Amino acid sequence: RKTVRGKTISDKIVQINIKVIKEGKKPLSEIFPEQNKTKDKPKI
């Protein structure tokens, strides 16, 4: 038995997962350029 919240979004919801159904003219990589950076691994 687990506690879950109902499927309707209310003011108690903090995080929402959404997916793209139809892409627009401007790609998401251009809208979020700071999130496209790859993390450099330290050289050993």
PDB file of all heavy atoms in Angstrom:
ATOM      1  N   ARG A   1       0.850  -1.173   0.000  1.00  0.00           N
ATOM      2  CA  ARG A   1       0.000   0.000   0.000  1.00  0.00           C
ATOM      3  C   ARG A   1       0.894   1.234   0.000  1.00  0.00           C
ATOM      4  O   ARG A   1       1.716   1.418   0.887  1.00  0.00           O
ATOM      5  CB  ARG A   1      -0.914  -0.008   1.229  1.00  0.00           C
ATOM      6  CG  ARG A   1      -1.997   1.029   1.147  1.00  0.00           C
ATOM      7  CD  ARG A   1      -3.139   0.762   2.097  1.00  0.00           C
ATOM      8  NE  ARG A   1      -3.735  -0.537   1.996  1.00  0.00           N
ATOM      9  CZ  ARG A   1      -4.691  -0.878   1.117  1.00  0.00           C
ATOM     10  NH1 ARG A   1      -5.115   0.012   0.250  1.00  0.00           N
ATOM     11  NH2 ARG A   1      -5.210  -2.083   1.107  1.00  0.00           N
ATOM     12  N   LYS A   2       0.745   2.069  -1.006  1.00  0.00           N
ATOM     13  CA  LYS A   2       1.558   3.273  -1.160  1.00  0.00           C
ATOM     14  C   LYS A   2       0.653   4.494  -1.245  1.00  0.00           C
ATOM     15  O   LYS A   2      -0.482   4.410  -1.720  1.00  0.00           O
ATOM     16  CB  LYS A   2       2.384   3.204  -2.452  1.00  0.00           C
ATOM     17  CG  LYS A   2       3.391   2.092  -2.514  1.00  0.00           C
ATOM     18  CD  LYS A   2       4.603   2.489  -1.759  1.00  0.00           C
ATOM     19  CE  LYS A   2       5.688   1.451  -1.968  1.00  0.00           C
ATOM     20  NZ  LYS A   2       6.956   1.894  -1.519  1.00  0.00           N
ATOM     21  N   THR A   3       1.165   5.624  -0.806  1.00  0.00           N
ATOM     22  CA  THR A   3       0.426   6.883  -0.891  1.00  0.00           C
ATOM     23  C   THR A   3       0.762   7.579  -2.193  1.00  0.00           C
ATOM     24  O   THR A   3       1.931   7.750  -2.534  1.00  0.00           O
ATOM     25  CB  THR A   3       0.775   7.798   0.292  1.00  0.00           C
ATOM     26  OG1 THR A   3       0.519   7.102   1.512  1.00  0.00           O
ATOM     27  CG2 THR A   3      -0.041   9.070   0.269  1.00  0.00           C
ATOM     28  N   VAL A   4      -0.265   7.976  -2.922  1.00  0.00           N
ATOM     29  CA  VAL A   4      -0.092   8.705  -4.179  1.00  0.00           C
ATOM     30  C   VAL A   4      -1.040   9.900  -4.178  1.00  0.00           C
ATOM     31  O   VAL A   4      -1.966   9.979  -3.373  1.00  0.00           O
ATOM     32  CB  VAL A   4      -0.368   7.811  -5.410  1.00  0.00           C
ATOM     33  CG1 VAL A   4       0.642   6.696  -5.519  1.00  0.00           C
ATOM     34  CG2 VAL A   4      -1.774   7.260  -5.394  1.00  0.00           C
ATOM     35  N   ARG A   5      -0.803  10.826  -5.078  1.00  0.00           N
ATOM     36  CA  ARG A   5      -1.670  11.989  -5.220  1.00  0.00           C
ATOM     37  C   ARG A   5      -2.514  11.817  -6.475  1.00  0.00           C
ATOM     38  O   ARG A   5      -2.120  11.158  -7.417  1.00  0.00           O
ATOM     39  CB  ARG A   5      -0.833  13.268  -5.316  1.00  0.00           C
ATOM     40  CG  ARG A   5      -1.709  14.510  -5.277  1.00  0.00           C
ATOM     41  CD  ARG A   5      -0.959  15.756  -4.928  1.00  0.00           C
ATOM     42  NE  ARG A   5      -0.494  15.880  -3.565  1.00  0.00           N
ATOM     43  CZ  ARG A   5      -1.223  16.337  -2.550  1.00  0.00           C
ATOM     44  NH1 ARG A   5      -2.469  16.664  -2.724  1.00  0.00           N
ATOM     45  NH2 ARG A   5      -0.688  16.473  -1.362  1.00  0.00           N
ATOM     46  N   GLY A   6      -3.692  12.415  -6.479  1.00  0.00           N
ATOM     47  CA  GLY A   6      -4.603  12.349  -7.615  1.00  0.00           C
ATOM     48  C   GLY A   6      -4.018  12.982  -8.859  1.00  0.00           C
ATOM     49  O   GLY A   6      -3.053  13.737  -8.809  1.00  0.00           O
ATOM     50  N   LYS A   7      -4.622  12.691 -10.007  1.00  0.00           N
ATOM     51  CA  LYS A   7      -4.047  13.081 -11.292  1.00  0.00           C
ATOM     52  C   LYS A   7      -4.269  14.541 -11.680  1.00  0.00           C
ATOM     53  O   LYS A   7      -3.692  15.012 -12.652  1.00  0.00           O
ATOM     54  CB  LYS A   7      -4.588  12.175 -12.390  1.00  0.00           C
ATOM     55  CG  LYS A   7      -6.056  12.335 -12.695  1.00  0.00           C
ATOM     56  CD  LYS A   7      -6.439  11.392 -13.807  1.00  0.00           C
ATOM     57  CE  LYS A   7      -7.880  11.566 -14.209  1.00  0.00           C
ATOM     58  NZ  LYS A   7      -8.197  10.674 -15.322  1.00  0.00           N
ATOM     59  N   THR A   8      -5.044  15.279 -10.933  1.00  0.00           N
ATOM     60  CA  THR A   8      -5.297  16.683 -11.247  1.00  0.00           C
ATOM     61  C   THR A   8      -4.234  17.566 -10.599  1.00  0.00           C
ATOM     62  O   THR A   8      -3.924  17.414  -9.425  1.00  0.00           O
ATOM     63  CB  THR A   8      -6.694  17.096 -10.755  1.00  0.00           C
ATOM     64  OG1 THR A   8      -7.658  16.205 -11.305  1.00  0.00           O
ATOM     65  CG2 THR A   8      -7.019  18.515 -11.186  1.00  0.00           C
ATOM     66  N   ILE A   9      -3.692  18.488 -11.366  1.00  0.00           N
ATOM     67  CA  ILE A   9      -2.642  19.377 -10.868  1.00  0.00           C
ATOM     68  C   ILE A   9      -3.262  20.452  -9.976  1.00  0.00           C
ATOM     69  O   ILE A   9      -4.247  21.088 -10.341  1.00  0.00           O
ATOM     70  CB  ILE A   9      -1.876  20.012 -12.038  1.00  0.00           C
ATOM     71  CG1 ILE A   9      -1.141  18.918 -12.795  1.00  0.00           C
ATOM     72  CG2 ILE A   9      -0.897  21.068 -11.547  1.00  0.00           C
ATOM     73  CD1 ILE A   9      -0.447  19.384 -14.036  1.00  0.00           C
ATOM     74  N   SER A  10      -2.663  20.627  -8.788  1.00  0.00           N
ATOM     75  CA  SER A  10      -3.135  21.632  -7.840  1.00  0.00           C
ATOM     76  C   SER A  10      -1.947  22.475  -7.384  1.00  0.00           C
ATOM     77  O   SER A  10      -0.835  22.334  -7.881  1.00  0.00           O
ATOM     78  CB  SER A  10      -3.804  20.956  -6.639  1.00  0.00           C
ATOM     79  OG  SER A  10      -2.834  20.247  -5.900  1.00  0.00           O
ATOM     80  N   ASP A  11      -2.184  23.341  -6.400  1.00  0.00           N
ATOM     81  CA  ASP A  11      -1.100  24.178  -5.887  1.00  0.00           C
ATOM     82  C   ASP A  11      -0.117  23.392  -5.036  1.00  0.00           C
ATOM     83  O   ASP A  11       0.944  23.892  -4.697  1.00  0.00           O
ATOM     84  CB  ASP A  11      -1.670  25.353  -5.097  1.00  0.00           C
ATOM     85  CG  ASP A  11      -2.522  24.895  -3.918  1.00  0.00           C
ATOM     86  OD1 ASP A  11      -2.974  23.734  -3.929  1.00  0.00           O
ATOM     87  OD2 ASP A  11      -2.733  25.708  -3.006  1.00  0.00           O
ATOM     88  N   LYS A  12      -0.421  22.145  -4.687  1.00  0.00           N
ATOM     89  CA  LYS A  12       0.491  21.294  -3.915  1.00  0.00           C
ATOM     90  C   LYS A  12       1.535  20.601  -4.797  1.00  0.00           C
ATOM     91  O   LYS A  12       2.495  20.039  -4.294  1.00  0.00           O
ATOM     92  CB  LYS A  12      -0.287  20.206  -3.164  1.00  0.00           C
ATOM     93  CG  LYS A  12      -1.313  20.745  -2.202  1.00  0.00           C
ATOM     94  CD  LYS A  12      -0.676  21.205  -0.942  1.00  0.00           C
ATOM     95  CE  LYS A  12      -1.749  21.578   0.062  1.00  0.00           C
ATOM     96  NZ  LYS A  12      -1.250  22.438   1.093  1.00  0.00           N
ATOM     97  N   ILE A  13       1.337  20.626  -6.096  1.00  0.00           N
ATOM     98  CA  ILE A  13       2.264  19.981  -7.031  1.00  0.00           C
ATOM     99  C   ILE A  13       3.474  20.881  -7.226  1.00  0.00           C
ATOM    100  O   ILE A  13       3.349  22.099  -7.381  1.00  0.00           O
ATOM    101  CB  ILE A  13       1.577  19.710  -8.387  1.00  0.00           C
ATOM    102  CG1 ILE A  13       0.334  18.842  -8.192  1.00  0.00           C
ATOM    103  CG2 ILE A  13       2.531  19.084  -9.378  1.00  0.00           C
ATOM    104  CD1 ILE A  13       0.608  17.463  -7.685  1.00  0.00           C
ATOM    105  N   VAL A  14       4.668  20.278  -7.218  1.00  0.00           N
ATOM    106  CA  VAL A  14       5.905  21.034  -7.387  1.00  0.00           C
ATOM    107  C   VAL A  14       6.540  20.738  -8.742  1.00  0.00           C
ATOM    108  O   VAL A  14       6.952  21.637  -9.454  1.00  0.00           O
ATOM    109  CB  VAL A  14       6.905  20.690  -6.256  1.00  0.00           C
ATOM    110  CG1 VAL A  14       8.240  21.332  -6.501  1.00  0.00           C
ATOM    111  CG2 VAL A  14       6.357  21.130  -4.925  1.00  0.00           C
ATOM    112  N   GLN A  15       6.607  19.463  -9.085  1.00  0.00           N
ATOM    113  CA  GLN A  15       7.306  19.052 -10.299  1.00  0.00           C
ATOM    114  C   GLN A  15       6.325  18.413 -11.270  1.00  0.00           C
ATOM    115  O   GLN A  15       5.502  17.588 -10.876  1.00  0.00           O
ATOM    116  CB  GLN A  15       8.408  18.063  -9.935  1.00  0.00           C
ATOM    117  CG  GLN A  15       9.177  17.539 -11.096  1.00  0.00           C
ATOM    118  CD  GLN A  15       9.324  16.042 -11.052  1.00  0.00           C
ATOM    119  OE1 GLN A  15       9.232  15.444  -9.990  1.00  0.00           O
ATOM    120  NE2 GLN A  15       9.538  15.448 -12.184  1.00  0.00           N
ATOM    121  N   ILE A  16       6.403  18.798 -12.550  1.00  0.00           N
ATOM    122  CA  ILE A  16       5.520  18.254 -13.582  1.00  0.00           C
ATOM    123  C   ILE A  16       6.383  17.753 -14.732  1.00  0.00           C
ATOM    124  O   ILE A  16       7.264  18.468 -15.217  1.00  0.00           O
ATOM    125  CB  ILE A  16       4.531  19.324 -14.094  1.00  0.00           C
ATOM    126  CG1 ILE A  16       3.699  19.875 -12.941  1.00  0.00           C
ATOM    127  CG2 ILE A  16       3.640  18.751 -15.177  1.00  0.00           C
ATOM    128  CD1 ILE A  16       2.847  21.058 -13.320  1.00  0.00           C
ATOM    129  N   ASN A  17       6.121  16.527 -15.164  1.00  0.00           N
ATOM    130  CA  ASN A  17       6.819  15.946 -16.306  1.00  0.00           C
ATOM    131  C   ASN A  17       5.942  16.108 -17.538  1.00  0.00           C
ATOM    132  O   ASN A  17       4.785  15.687 -17.533  1.00  0.00           O
ATOM    133  CB  ASN A  17       7.090  14.457 -16.076  1.00  0.00           C
ATOM    134  CG  ASN A  17       7.855  14.212 -14.805  1.00  0.00           C
ATOM    135  OD1 ASN A  17       8.689  15.008 -14.402  1.00  0.00           O
ATOM    136  ND2 ASN A  17       7.572  13.108 -14.154  1.00  0.00           N
ATOM    137  N   ILE A  18       6.502  16.713 -18.580  1.00  0.00           N
ATOM    138  CA  ILE A  18       5.753  16.872 -19.824  1.00  0.00           C
ATOM    139  C   ILE A  18       6.596  16.370 -20.979  1.00  0.00           C
ATOM    140  O   ILE A  18       7.824  16.341 -20.900  1.00  0.00           O
ATOM    141  CB  ILE A  18       5.326  18.344 -20.052  1.00  0.00           C
ATOM    142  CG1 ILE A  18       6.532  19.270 -20.148  1.00  0.00           C
ATOM    143  CG2 ILE A  18       4.383  18.815 -18.990  1.00  0.00           C
ATOM    144  CD1 ILE A  18       6.176  20.702 -20.487  1.00  0.00           C
ATOM    145  N   LYS A  19       5.918  15.950 -22.053  1.00  0.00           N
ATOM    146  CA  LYS A  19       6.643  15.530 -23.243  1.00  0.00           C
ATOM    147  C   LYS A  19       6.166  16.345 -24.430  1.00  0.00           C
ATOM    148  O   LYS A  19       5.030  16.830 -24.465  1.00  0.00           O
ATOM    149  CB  LYS A  19       6.475  14.037 -23.499  1.00  0.00           C
ATOM    150  CG  LYS A  19       5.155  13.622 -24.057  1.00  0.00           C
ATOM    151  CD  LYS A  19       5.166  12.150 -24.411  1.00  0.00           C
ATOM    152  CE  LYS A  19       3.834  11.741 -25.009  1.00  0.00           C
ATOM    153  NZ  LYS A  19       3.819  10.344 -25.393  1.00  0.00           N
ATOM    154  N   VAL A  20       7.040  16.480 -25.408  1.00  0.00           N
ATOM    155  CA  VAL A  20       6.739  17.238 -26.611  1.00  0.00           C
ATOM    156  C   VAL A  20       5.965  16.338 -27.566  1.00  0.00           C
ATOM    157  O   VAL A  20       6.412  15.245 -27.899  1.00  0.00           O
ATOM    158  CB  VAL A  20       8.033  17.742 -27.277  1.00  0.00           C
ATOM    159  CG1 VAL A  20       7.728  18.445 -28.586  1.00  0.00           C
ATOM    160  CG2 VAL A  20       8.795  18.659 -26.347  1.00  0.00           C
ATOM    161  N   ILE A  21       4.807  16.801 -28.005  1.00  0.00           N
ATOM    162  CA  ILE A  21       4.020  16.067 -28.996  1.00  0.00           C
ATOM    163  C   ILE A  21       4.296  16.626 -30.381  1.00  0.00           C
ATOM    164  O   ILE A  21       4.484  15.889 -31.334  1.00  0.00           O
ATOM    165  CB  ILE A  21       2.513  16.182 -28.685  1.00  0.00           C
ATOM    166  CG1 ILE A  21       2.218  15.511 -27.367  1.00  0.00           C
ATOM    167  CG2 ILE A  21       1.685  15.575 -29.797  1.00  0.00           C
ATOM    168  CD1 ILE A  21       0.802  15.672 -26.923  1.00  0.00           C
ATOM    169  N   LYS A  22       4.341  17.951 -30.470  1.00  0.00           N
ATOM    170  CA  LYS A  22       4.585  18.623 -31.748  1.00  0.00           C
ATOM    171  C   LYS A  22       5.700  19.629 -31.538  1.00  0.00           C
ATOM    172  O   LYS A  22       5.623  20.475 -30.652  1.00  0.00           O
ATOM    173  CB  LYS A  22       3.304  19.313 -32.209  1.00  0.00           C
ATOM    174  CG  LYS A  22       3.424  20.027 -33.526  1.00  0.00           C
ATOM    175  CD  LYS A  22       2.115  20.703 -33.859  1.00  0.00           C
ATOM    176  CE  LYS A  22       2.400  21.925 -34.691  1.00  0.00           C
ATOM    177  NZ  LYS A  22       1.290  22.846 -34.748  1.00  0.00           N
ATOM    178  N   GLU A  23       6.751  19.520 -32.341  1.00  0.00           N
ATOM    179  CA  GLU A  23       7.904  20.407 -32.205  1.00  0.00           C
ATOM    180  C   GLU A  23       7.656  21.714 -32.937  1.00  0.00           C
ATOM    181  O   GLU A  23       7.027  21.738 -33.997  1.00  0.00           O
ATOM    182  CB  GLU A  23       9.154  19.727 -32.752  1.00  0.00           C
ATOM    183  CG  GLU A  23      10.418  20.499 -32.455  1.00  0.00           C
ATOM    184  CD  GLU A  23      11.661  19.786 -32.952  1.00  0.00           C
ATOM    185  OE1 GLU A  23      11.541  18.847 -33.731  1.00  0.00           O
ATOM    186  OE2 GLU A  23      12.745  20.214 -32.550  1.00  0.00           O
ATOM    187  N   GLY A  24       8.167  22.784 -32.377  1.00  0.00           N
ATOM    188  CA  GLY A  24       8.027  24.103 -32.971  1.00  0.00           C
ATOM    189  C   GLY A  24       9.172  24.431 -33.904  1.00  0.00           C
ATOM    190  O   GLY A  24      10.018  23.587 -34.225  1.00  0.00           O
ATOM    191  N   LYS A  25       9.202  25.694 -34.344  1.00  0.00           N
ATOM    192  CA  LYS A  25      10.230  26.140 -35.285  1.00  0.00           C
ATOM    193  C   LYS A  25      11.610  26.203 -34.642  1.00  0.00           C
ATOM    194  O   LYS A  25      12.602  25.840 -35.246  1.00  0.00           O
ATOM    195  CB  LYS A  25       9.858  27.520 -35.833  1.00  0.00           C
ATOM    196  CG  LYS A  25       8.609  27.531 -36.661  1.00  0.00           C
ATOM    197  CD  LYS A  25       8.226  28.932 -37.061  1.00  0.00           C
ATOM    198  CE  LYS A  25       6.881  28.928 -37.776  1.00  0.00           C
ATOM    199  NZ  LYS A  25       6.360  30.266 -37.970  1.00  0.00           N
ATOM    200  N   LYS A  26      11.659  26.666 -33.404  1.00  0.00           N
ATOM    201  CA  LYS A  26      12.931  26.819 -32.703  1.00  0.00           C
ATOM    202  C   LYS A  26      13.210  25.558 -31.889  1.00  0.00           C
ATOM    203  O   LYS A  26      12.415  25.180 -31.029  1.00  0.00           O
ATOM    204  CB  LYS A  26      12.852  28.034 -31.777  1.00  0.00           C
ATOM    205  CG  LYS A  26      14.157  28.496 -31.227  1.00  0.00           C
ATOM    206  CD  LYS A  26      13.968  29.815 -30.484  1.00  0.00           C
ATOM    207  CE  LYS A  26      15.276  30.338 -29.964  1.00  0.00           C
ATOM    208  NZ  LYS A  26      15.112  31.566 -29.208  1.00  0.00           N
ATOM    209  N   PRO A  27      14.323  24.841 -32.141  1.00  0.00           N
ATOM    210  CA  PRO A  27      14.591  23.615 -31.383  1.00  0.00           C
ATOM    211  C   PRO A  27      14.887  23.906 -29.909  1.00  0.00           C
ATOM    212  O   PRO A  27      15.339  24.990 -29.540  1.00  0.00           O
ATOM    213  CB  PRO A  27      15.812  23.011 -32.074  1.00  0.00           C
ATOM    214  CG  PRO A  27      16.398  24.093 -32.879  1.00  0.00           C
ATOM    215  CD  PRO A  27      15.324  25.099 -33.155  1.00  0.00           C
ATOM    216  N   LEU A  28      14.626  22.907 -29.077  1.00  0.00           N
ATOM    217  CA  LEU A  28      14.824  23.066 -27.634  1.00  0.00           C
ATOM    218  C   LEU A  28      16.287  23.311 -27.286  1.00  0.00           C
ATOM    219  O   LEU A  28      16.586  23.961 -26.286  1.00  0.00           O
ATOM    220  CB  LEU A  28      14.310  21.832 -26.892  1.00  0.00           C
ATOM    221  CG  LEU A  28      12.800  21.653 -26.876  1.00  0.00           C
ATOM    222  CD1 LEU A  28      12.430  20.307 -26.285  1.00  0.00           C
ATOM    223  CD2 LEU A  28      12.130  22.766 -26.118  1.00  0.00           C
ATOM    224  N   SER A  29      17.210  22.805 -28.089  1.00  0.00           N
ATOM    225  CA  SER A  29      18.628  23.033 -27.813  1.00  0.00           C
ATOM    226  C   SER A  29      19.001  24.504 -27.953  1.00  0.00           C
ATOM    227  O   SER A  29      19.937  24.970 -27.311  1.00  0.00           O
ATOM    228  CB  SER A  29      19.488  22.175 -28.742  1.00  0.00           C
ATOM    229  OG  SER A  29      19.183  22.471 -30.082  1.00  0.00           O
ATOM    230  N   GLU A  30      18.265  25.255 -28.762  1.00  0.00           N
ATOM    231  CA  GLU A  30      18.501  26.701 -28.867  1.00  0.00           C
ATOM    232  C   GLU A  30      17.777  27.467 -27.753  1.00  0.00           C
ATOM    233  O   GLU A  30      18.244  28.517 -27.325  1.00  0.00           O
ATOM    234  CB  GLU A  30      18.029  27.219 -30.226  1.00  0.00           C
ATOM    235  CG  GLU A  30      18.905  26.790 -31.372  1.00  0.00           C
ATOM    236  CD  GLU A  30      18.423  27.347 -32.693  1.00  0.00           C
ATOM    237  OE1 GLU A  30      17.642  28.333 -32.694  1.00  0.00           O
ATOM    238  OE2 GLU A  30      18.819  26.793 -33.719  1.00  0.00           O
ATOM    239  N   ILE A  31      16.660  26.950 -27.303  1.00  0.00           N
ATOM    240  CA  ILE A  31      15.912  27.618 -26.235  1.00  0.00           C
ATOM    241  C   ILE A  31      16.650  27.481 -24.902  1.00  0.00           C
ATOM    242  O   ILE A  31      16.662  28.398 -24.093  1.00  0.00           O
ATOM    243  CB  ILE A  31      14.488  27.031 -26.131  1.00  0.00           C
ATOM    244  CG1 ILE A  31      13.714  27.308 -27.417  1.00  0.00           C
ATOM    245  CG2 ILE A  31      13.748  27.617 -24.942  1.00  0.00           C
ATOM    246  CD1 ILE A  31      12.369  26.624 -27.499  1.00  0.00           C
ATOM    247  N   PHE A  32      17.295  26.320 -24.680  1.00  0.00           N
ATOM    248  CA  PHE A  32      18.030  26.056 -23.443  1.00  0.00           C
ATOM    249  C   PHE A  32      19.507  25.826 -23.754  1.00  0.00           C
ATOM    250  O   PHE A  32      20.016  24.714 -23.581  1.00  0.00           O
ATOM    251  CB  PHE A  32      17.477  24.805 -22.736  1.00  0.00           C
ATOM    252  CG  PHE A  32      16.026  24.897 -22.379  1.00  0.00           C
ATOM    253  CD1 PHE A  32      15.076  24.195 -23.090  1.00  0.00           C
ATOM    254  CD2 PHE A  32      15.616  25.682 -21.322  1.00  0.00           C
ATOM    255  CE1 PHE A  32      13.743  24.256 -22.755  1.00  0.00           C
ATOM    256  CE2 PHE A  32      14.276  25.757 -20.977  1.00  0.00           C
ATOM    257  CZ  PHE A  32      13.335  25.048 -21.701  1.00  0.00           C
ATOM    258  N   PRO A  33      20.256  26.846 -24.176  1.00  0.00           N
ATOM    259  CA  PRO A  33      21.672  26.612 -24.532  1.00  0.00           C
ATOM    260  C   PRO A  33      22.540  26.255 -23.324  1.00  0.00           C
ATOM    261  O   PRO A  33      23.495  25.491 -23.455  1.00  0.00           O
ATOM    262  CB  PRO A  33      22.113  27.935 -25.150  1.00  0.00           C
ATOM    263  CG  PRO A  33      21.185  28.946 -24.589  1.00  0.00           C
ATOM    264  CD  PRO A  33      19.880  28.233 -24.356  1.00  0.00           C
ATOM    265  N   GLU A  34      22.206  26.764 -22.136  1.00  0.00           N
ATOM    266  CA  GLU A  34      23.029  26.487 -20.950  1.00  0.00           C
ATOM    267  C   GLU A  34      22.873  25.042 -20.482  1.00  0.00           C
ATOM    268  O   GLU A  34      23.723  24.528 -19.765  1.00  0.00           O
ATOM    269  CB  GLU A  34      22.694  27.447 -19.815  1.00  0.00           C
ATOM    270  CG  GLU A  34      21.334  27.258 -19.184  1.00  0.00           C
ATOM    271  CD  GLU A  34      20.173  27.876 -19.952  1.00  0.00           C
ATOM    272  OE1 GLU A  34      20.401  28.571 -20.956  1.00  0.00           O
ATOM    273  OE2 GLU A  34      19.031  27.653 -19.549  1.00  0.00           O
ATOM    274  N   GLN A  35      21.804  24.352 -20.884  1.00  0.00           N
ATOM    275  CA  GLN A  35      21.594  22.966 -20.469  1.00  0.00           C
ATOM    276  C   GLN A  35      22.155  21.964 -21.478  1.00  0.00           C
ATOM    277  O   GLN A  35      22.067  20.768 -21.273  1.00  0.00           O
ATOM    278  CB  GLN A  35      20.105  22.701 -20.251  1.00  0.00           C
ATOM    279  CG  GLN A  35      19.549  23.480 -19.091  1.00  0.00           C
ATOM    280  CD  GLN A  35      18.092  23.154 -18.830  1.00  0.00           C
ATOM    281  OE1 GLN A  35      17.622  22.084 -19.147  1.00  0.00           O
ATOM    282  NE2 GLN A  35      17.387  24.105 -18.233  1.00  0.00           N
ATOM    283  N   ASN A  36      22.733  22.448 -22.567  1.00  0.00           N
ATOM    284  CA  ASN A  36      23.289  21.558 -23.582  1.00  0.00           C
ATOM    285  C   ASN A  36      24.752  21.232 -23.351  1.00  0.00           C
ATOM    286  O   ASN A  36      25.307  20.380 -24.033  1.00  0.00           O
ATOM    287  CB  ASN A  36      23.150  22.180 -24.977  1.00  0.00           C
ATOM    288  CG  ASN A  36      21.713  22.201 -25.428  1.00  0.00           C
ATOM    289  OD1 ASN A  36      20.933  21.351 -25.045  1.00  0.00           O
ATOM    290  ND2 ASN A  36      21.377  23.168 -26.243  1.00  0.00           N
ATOM    291  N   LYS A  37      25.372  21.930 -22.431  1.00  0.00           N
ATOM    292  CA  LYS A  37      26.799  21.720 -22.202  1.00  0.00           C
ATOM    293  C   LYS A  37      27.041  20.334 -21.627  1.00  0.00           C
ATOM    294  O   LYS A  37      26.333  19.884 -20.738  1.00  0.00           O
ATOM    295  CB  LYS A  37      27.355  22.780 -21.243  1.00  0.00           C
ATOM    296  CG  LYS A  37      27.250  24.179 -21.793  1.00  0.00           C
ATOM    297  CD  LYS A  37      27.711  25.182 -20.767  1.00  0.00           C
ATOM    298  CE  LYS A  37      27.504  26.585 -21.294  1.00  0.00           C
ATOM    299  NZ  LYS A  37      27.772  27.580 -20.283  1.00  0.00           N
ATOM    300  N   THR A  38      28.058  19.673 -22.135  1.00  0.00           N
ATOM    301  CA  THR A  38      28.421  18.372 -21.588  1.00  0.00           C
ATOM    302  C   THR A  38      29.377  18.585 -20.426  1.00  0.00           C
ATOM    303  O   THR A  38      30.174  19.523 -20.408  1.00  0.00           O
ATOM    304  CB  THR A  38      29.094  17.487 -22.655  1.00  0.00           C
ATOM    305  OG1 THR A  38      30.236  18.177 -23.155  1.00  0.00           O
ATOM    306  CG2 THR A  38      28.141  17.198 -23.795  1.00  0.00           C
ATOM    307  N   LYS A  39      29.298  17.689 -19.473  1.00  0.00           N
ATOM    308  CA  LYS A  39      30.179  17.797 -18.319  1.00  0.00           C
ATOM    309  C   LYS A  39      31.520  17.180 -18.680  1.00  0.00           C
ATOM    310  O   LYS A  39      31.598  16.044 -19.127  1.00  0.00           O
ATOM    311  CB  LYS A  39      29.563  17.065 -17.120  1.00  0.00           C
ATOM    312  CG  LYS A  39      28.295  17.708 -16.646  1.00  0.00           C
ATOM    313  CD  LYS A  39      27.721  16.963 -15.483  1.00  0.00           C
ATOM    314  CE  LYS A  39      26.429  17.629 -15.037  1.00  0.00           C
ATOM    315  NZ  LYS A  39      25.773  16.874 -13.999  1.00  0.00           N
ATOM    316  N   ASP A  40      32.571  17.961 -18.477  1.00  0.00           N
ATOM    317  CA  ASP A  40      33.910  17.462 -18.760  1.00  0.00           C
ATOM    318  C   ASP A  40      34.379  16.588 -17.617  1.00  0.00           C
ATOM    319  O   ASP A  40      34.303  16.970 -16.450  1.00  0.00           O
ATOM    320  CB  ASP A  40      34.893  18.629 -18.954  1.00  0.00           C
ATOM    321  CG  ASP A  40      34.562  19.449 -20.207  1.00  0.00           C
ATOM    322  OD1 ASP A  40      34.033  18.858 -21.162  1.00  0.00           O
ATOM    323  OD2 ASP A  40      34.841  20.655 -20.204  1.00  0.00           O
ATOM    324  N   LYS A  41      34.877  15.425 -17.975  1.00  0.00           N
ATOM    325  CA  LYS A  41      35.418  14.523 -16.959  1.00  0.00           C
ATOM    326  C   LYS A  41      36.837  14.957 -16.643  1.00  0.00           C
ATOM    327  O   LYS A  41      37.605  15.312 -17.537  1.00  0.00           O
ATOM    328  CB  LYS A  41      35.423  13.089 -17.477  1.00  0.00           C
ATOM    329  CG  LYS A  41      34.031  12.541 -17.697  1.00  0.00           C
ATOM    330  CD  LYS A  41      34.092  11.119 -18.175  1.00  0.00           C
ATOM    331  CE  LYS A  41      32.694  10.586 -18.402  1.00  0.00           C
ATOM    332  NZ  LYS A  41      32.715   9.233 -18.960  1.00  0.00           N
ATOM    333  N   PRO A  42      37.203  14.932 -15.371  1.00  0.00           N
ATOM    334  CA  PRO A  42      38.575  15.319 -15.031  1.00  0.00           C
ATOM    335  C   PRO A  42      39.553  14.284 -15.575  1.00  0.00           C
ATOM    336  O   PRO A  42      39.313  13.083 -15.553  1.00  0.00           O
ATOM    337  CB  PRO A  42      38.573  15.331 -13.499  1.00  0.00           C
ATOM    338  CG  PRO A  42      37.406  14.515 -13.097  1.00  0.00           C
ATOM    339  CD  PRO A  42      36.415  14.599 -14.212  1.00  0.00           C
ATOM    340  N   LYS A  43      40.657  14.806 -16.113  1.00  0.00           N
ATOM    341  CA  LYS A  43      41.670  13.915 -16.673  1.00  0.00           C
ATOM    342  C   LYS A  43      42.534  13.357 -15.557  1.00  0.00           C
ATOM    343  O   LYS A  43      43.014  14.089 -14.701  1.00  0.00           O
ATOM    344  CB  LYS A  43      42.529  14.668 -17.685  1.00  0.00           C
ATOM    345  CG  LYS A  43      41.739  15.089 -18.902  1.00  0.00           C
ATOM    346  CD  LYS A  43      42.621  15.781 -19.890  1.00  0.00           C
ATOM    347  CE  LYS A  43      41.817  16.207 -21.116  1.00  0.00           C
ATOM    348  NZ  LYS A  43      42.647  16.886 -22.088  1.00  0.00           N
ATOM    349  N   ILE A  44      42.729  12.062 -15.600  1.00  0.00           N
ATOM    350  CA  ILE A  44      43.565  11.381 -14.608  1.00  0.00           C
ATOM    351  C   ILE A  44      44.867  10.981 -15.291  1.00  0.00           C
ATOM    352  O   ILE A  44      44.877  10.294 -16.303  1.00  0.00           O
ATOM    353  CB  ILE A  44      42.851  10.137 -14.048  1.00  0.00           C
ATOM    354  CG1 ILE A  44      41.536  10.563 -13.378  1.00  0.00           C
ATOM    355  CG2 ILE A  44      43.759   9.397 -13.083  1.00  0.00           C
ATOM    356  CD1 ILE A  44      40.678   9.394 -12.953  1.00  0.00           C
TER     357      ILE A  44
END
